[in-house]
Amino acid sequence: MFPRSHCPRCKRTLTARELIPVVSYVLQAGKCRGCGEKISSLYPFIELSTAILFTISPLLAGWSKELLVSWTLISLLMIIVVSDIRYMIIPDKILLAFAFLFVLERLFIPFIPWRDALIGAAVGFSLLFLIAVISKGGMGGGDIKLFALLGFVLGWKMVLLAFFFSTFYGTIIGLAGMALGKVRRREPMPFAPAIALGTLTAYFFGHDIIQWYKEFIFFSI
C-alpha cells in the first residue's frame, strides 16, 4: 500500500524486520529504531487479536469455504477499529474495497440468499441512519455505511442481532471510559470497537443465541 509504512515523527520508512507483527514491537521495546518515538500499544494488540481470531475461526465456523468470508470480515473489523480509534474515521476506500471482496466471495460462497443479503444491507443502513437523525449527528457516516456492508454479509436477522450487541458493548465501553476518565459526556467516542465485538458475536454465535432464546421463551410460557 502507498505510502509505505513509516514513522510519523521521523518519516523513516520501516524495514521488513520492523514490520513483523507483535515481535517487532517487543524487540524494539515499543519504540521507533530511528528516533525513539513511542509506538502505540494499539498496534500489537490488534495484531495479536487478529492472529487469535484467525486461529479460532475454523473452530467456530468450521473448515469450509465460509472460513474465507470470516477471515475477510475479521480483517475489515480490525482495520476499522484502528482507524476509528486513531483518527475517528472509517475511510470509504476501505469499505469499497471490502464490499468488492464480499460481493465476489458471496458469488462463490453463498451463505445466505441474495435477497436476505440485500435486505440486510438496507436494514443495517437504516438502523444507524435513524440513530444519526434522532441524535442529530451522534452517529458518524462511516458507521452507517459500515453497518450497511455488515448487513450484506450477515443478512437481516444477524445484523439486527449485531446491532443489539454493538449497542450493548458500546454502552459498557462508554460507561467504563467515563469511570476511568477517558471519555467525557456528550463527546464523540469511536463506535467501531463495539461494532466489531457485536458483529463477531452475531456472526459466530448468532444462530445459537437465537435458538437458545426461542427455547427460553418456549419453556417460560
Protein backbone atom coordinates (compact mmCIF):
# COMPACT_ATOMS: atom_id res chain seq x y z
CA MET A 1 0.00 0.00 0.00
CA PHE A 2 1.09 3.59 -0.50
CA PRO A 3 2.69 5.35 1.17
CA ARG A 4 4.82 2.60 2.72
CA SER A 5 4.76 2.16 6.49
CA HIS A 6 6.87 4.82 8.16
CA CYS A 7 7.43 6.54 11.49
CA PRO A 8 5.01 9.51 11.78
CA ARG A 9 7.68 11.52 13.60
CA CYS A 10 10.96 10.99 11.70
CA LYS A 11 9.26 9.80 8.46
CA ARG A 12 11.75 6.94 8.13
CA THR A 13 10.43 4.05 6.03
CA LEU A 14 10.18 0.90 8.12
CA THR A 15 12.15 -2.18 7.09
CA ALA A 16 10.70 -5.68 6.81
CA ARG A 17 12.30 -6.56 10.15
CA GLU A 18 10.33 -3.74 11.79
CA LEU A 19 7.00 -4.93 10.40
CA ILE A 20 6.80 -8.39 11.97
CA PRO A 21 3.50 -8.43 13.89
CA VAL A 22 3.93 -8.20 17.69
CA VAL A 23 7.55 -9.47 17.53
CA SER A 24 8.95 -6.20 16.15
CA TYR A 25 7.15 -4.22 18.85
CA VAL A 26 8.65 -6.39 21.59
CA LEU A 27 12.18 -6.39 20.13
CA GLN A 28 12.11 -2.61 19.71
CA ALA A 29 10.70 -2.10 23.22
CA GLY A 30 7.73 -0.28 21.72
CA LYS A 31 9.86 2.49 20.16
CA CYS A 32 10.97 3.61 16.70
CA ARG A 33 14.51 2.43 15.96
CA GLY A 34 15.31 5.73 14.27
CA CYS A 35 14.07 8.46 16.61
CA GLY A 36 12.87 6.60 19.69
CA GLU A 37 9.25 7.73 19.24
CA LYS A 38 6.89 5.57 21.31
CA ILE A 39 4.76 3.18 19.25
CA SER A 40 1.13 2.89 20.31
CA SER A 41 0.33 -0.38 22.08
CA LEU A 42 -2.85 -0.45 19.99
CA TYR A 43 -0.94 -1.95 17.06
CA PRO A 44 0.45 -5.08 18.75
CA PHE A 45 -2.91 -5.53 20.49
CA ILE A 46 -4.74 -5.53 17.15
CA GLU A 47 -2.10 -7.78 15.56
CA LEU A 48 -2.39 -10.30 18.39
CA SER A 49 -6.20 -10.12 18.38
CA THR A 50 -6.25 -10.73 14.62
CA ALA A 51 -3.96 -13.75 14.96
CA ILE A 52 -6.13 -15.22 17.71
CA LEU A 53 -9.36 -14.65 15.77
CA PHE A 54 -7.90 -16.15 12.59
CA THR A 55 -6.79 -19.19 14.59
CA ILE A 56 -10.10 -19.85 16.35
CA SER A 57 -12.28 -19.12 13.30
CA PRO A 58 -12.06 -22.72 12.00
CA LEU A 59 -13.20 -23.94 15.41
CA LEU A 60 -16.21 -21.61 15.35
CA ALA A 61 -17.12 -21.53 11.64
CA GLY A 62 -15.71 -24.91 10.65
CA TRP A 63 -13.30 -25.84 7.88
CA SER A 64 -15.42 -24.74 4.96
CA LYS A 65 -15.42 -22.11 2.22
CA GLU A 66 -17.18 -19.78 4.67
CA LEU A 67 -13.87 -19.58 6.55
CA LEU A 68 -12.57 -17.26 3.83
CA VAL A 69 -15.50 -14.90 4.46
CA SER A 70 -14.89 -14.98 8.21
CA TRP A 71 -11.21 -14.09 7.74
CA THR A 72 -12.18 -11.23 5.40
CA LEU A 73 -14.72 -9.99 7.94
CA ILE A 74 -12.17 -10.11 10.76
CA SER A 75 -9.65 -8.21 8.63
CA LEU A 76 -12.19 -5.48 7.88
CA LEU A 77 -13.20 -5.11 11.52
CA MET A 78 -9.61 -4.92 12.79
CA ILE A 79 -8.72 -2.26 10.23
CA ILE A 80 -11.71 -0.05 11.02
CA VAL A 81 -11.13 -0.41 14.78
CA VAL A 82 -7.61 1.02 14.40
CA SER A 83 -8.81 3.74 12.02
CA ASP A 84 -11.72 4.78 14.24
CA ILE A 85 -9.68 4.81 17.46
CA ARG A 86 -6.71 6.66 15.95
CA TYR A 87 -8.44 9.06 13.57
CA MET A 88 -12.18 8.88 14.36
CA ILE A 89 -12.91 7.99 10.75
CA ILE A 90 -13.84 4.91 8.72
CA PRO A 91 -12.48 5.56 5.19
CA ASP A 92 -14.79 4.98 2.22
CA LYS A 93 -11.90 3.42 0.27
CA ILE A 94 -11.62 0.63 2.83
CA LEU A 95 -15.36 -0.03 2.80
CA LEU A 96 -15.48 -0.06 -1.02
CA ALA A 97 -12.52 -2.44 -1.26
CA PHE A 98 -14.06 -4.88 1.19
CA ALA A 99 -17.51 -4.50 -0.40
CA PHE A 100 -15.96 -5.71 -3.67
CA LEU A 101 -14.34 -8.66 -1.85
CA PHE A 102 -17.56 -9.64 -0.08
CA VAL A 103 -19.64 -9.50 -3.27
CA LEU A 104 -17.02 -11.62 -5.04
CA GLU A 105 -16.94 -14.13 -2.18
CA ARG A 106 -20.72 -14.37 -1.98
CA LEU A 107 -20.86 -15.19 -5.70
CA PHE A 108 -18.88 -18.36 -5.00
CA ILE A 109 -19.71 -18.92 -1.32
CA PRO A 110 -23.49 -18.40 -0.95
CA PHE A 111 -24.05 -18.45 2.82
CA ILE A 112 -27.41 -16.64 2.74
CA PRO A 113 -29.89 -15.89 -0.09
CA TRP A 114 -29.11 -12.72 -2.04
CA ARG A 115 -32.48 -11.30 -1.05
CA ASP A 116 -31.55 -11.61 2.64
CA ALA A 117 -28.16 -10.02 1.94
CA LEU A 118 -29.72 -7.00 0.21
CA ILE A 119 -32.41 -6.63 2.87
CA GLY A 120 -29.66 -6.91 5.48
CA ALA A 121 -27.75 -4.07 3.83
CA ALA A 122 -30.88 -1.90 3.84
CA VAL A 123 -31.66 -2.76 7.47
CA GLY A 124 -28.08 -2.12 8.58
CA PHE A 125 -28.03 1.26 6.86
CA SER A 126 -31.49 2.27 8.11
CA LEU A 127 -30.80 1.40 11.75
CA LEU A 128 -27.77 3.63 12.13
CA PHE A 129 -29.12 6.34 9.82
CA LEU A 130 -32.20 6.59 12.04
CA ILE A 131 -29.98 6.91 15.12
CA ALA A 132 -27.93 9.61 13.38
CA VAL A 133 -31.10 11.58 12.61
CA ILE A 134 -32.59 11.19 16.10
CA SER A 135 -29.31 12.01 17.84
CA LYS A 136 -28.62 14.88 15.41
CA GLY A 137 -25.23 13.64 14.27
CA GLY A 138 -24.45 11.33 17.16
CA MET A 139 -23.58 8.57 14.70
CA GLY A 140 -20.90 9.02 12.05
CA GLY A 141 -21.43 8.42 8.35
CA GLY A 142 -18.69 5.80 8.33
CA ASP A 143 -20.53 3.76 10.96
CA ILE A 144 -23.72 3.92 8.88
CA LYS A 145 -22.01 2.69 5.70
CA LEU A 146 -20.11 0.05 7.65
CA PHE A 147 -23.34 -1.37 9.07
CA ALA A 148 -24.85 -1.47 5.59
CA LEU A 149 -21.90 -3.58 4.46
CA LEU A 150 -22.17 -5.80 7.54
CA GLY A 151 -25.87 -6.27 6.83
CA PHE A 152 -24.98 -7.54 3.36
CA VAL A 153 -22.56 -10.08 4.84
CA LEU A 154 -24.70 -11.20 7.79
CA GLY A 155 -28.24 -10.93 6.44
CA TRP A 156 -31.09 -9.02 8.06
CA LYS A 157 -31.59 -11.33 11.06
CA MET A 158 -27.96 -11.40 12.13
CA VAL A 159 -27.43 -7.68 11.50
CA LEU A 160 -30.27 -6.94 13.92
CA LEU A 161 -28.51 -9.11 16.49
CA ALA A 162 -25.19 -7.43 15.68
CA PHE A 163 -26.85 -4.05 16.25
CA PHE A 164 -28.19 -5.16 19.63
CA PHE A 165 -24.82 -6.44 20.81
CA SER A 166 -22.97 -3.43 19.38
CA THR A 167 -25.23 -1.14 21.39
CA PHE A 168 -24.74 -3.30 24.48
CA TYR A 169 -20.95 -3.35 24.15
CA GLY A 170 -20.89 0.35 23.27
CA THR A 171 -22.76 1.17 26.47
CA ILE A 172 -20.33 -0.88 28.56
CA ILE A 173 -17.29 0.67 26.85
CA GLY A 174 -18.73 4.16 27.25
CA LEU A 175 -19.52 3.72 30.95
CA ALA A 176 -16.12 2.17 31.60
CA GLY A 177 -14.45 5.02 29.72
CA MET A 178 -16.28 7.63 31.78
CA ALA A 179 -15.44 5.81 35.01
CA LEU A 180 -11.75 5.83 34.04
CA GLY A 181 -11.87 9.43 32.89
CA LYS A 182 -11.08 8.51 29.28
CA VAL A 183 -14.49 9.52 27.89
CA ARG A 184 -16.47 12.66 28.61
CA ARG A 185 -20.21 13.13 28.37
CA ARG A 186 -21.52 14.41 25.02
CA GLU A 187 -18.11 13.96 23.39
CA PRO A 188 -17.78 11.69 20.32
CA MET A 189 -16.48 8.21 21.04
CA PRO A 190 -15.20 5.67 18.48
CA PHE A 191 -18.03 3.17 17.98
CA ALA A 192 -16.07 0.76 15.77
CA PRO A 193 -14.73 -1.38 18.67
CA ALA A 194 -18.29 -2.00 19.86
CA ILE A 195 -19.43 -2.74 16.30
CA ALA A 196 -16.57 -5.22 15.87
CA LEU A 197 -17.45 -7.05 19.09
CA GLY A 198 -21.17 -7.05 18.30
CA THR A 199 -20.62 -8.25 14.74
CA LEU A 200 -18.31 -11.10 15.72
CA THR A 201 -20.74 -12.18 18.45
CA ALA A 202 -23.61 -12.29 15.95
CA TYR A 203 -21.56 -13.91 13.17
CA PHE A 204 -20.07 -16.74 15.22
CA PHE A 205 -22.75 -17.29 17.88
CA GLY A 206 -25.89 -15.67 16.44
CA HIS A 207 -27.75 -18.83 15.44
CA ASP A 208 -27.03 -20.48 18.80
CA ILE A 209 -28.17 -17.35 20.66
CA ILE A 210 -31.43 -17.18 18.70
CA GLN A 211 -32.05 -20.90 19.27
CA TRP A 212 -31.37 -20.52 22.99
CA TYR A 213 -33.73 -17.53 23.14
CA LYS A 214 -36.52 -19.48 21.38
CA GLU A 215 -36.12 -22.38 23.80
CA PHE A 216 -36.09 -20.00 26.76
CA ILE A 217 -39.31 -18.32 25.61
CA PHE A 218 -40.96 -21.69 24.89
CA PHE A 219 -40.21 -23.11 28.35
CA SER A 220 -41.20 -19.83 30.02
CA ILE A 221 -44.71 -19.95 28.59
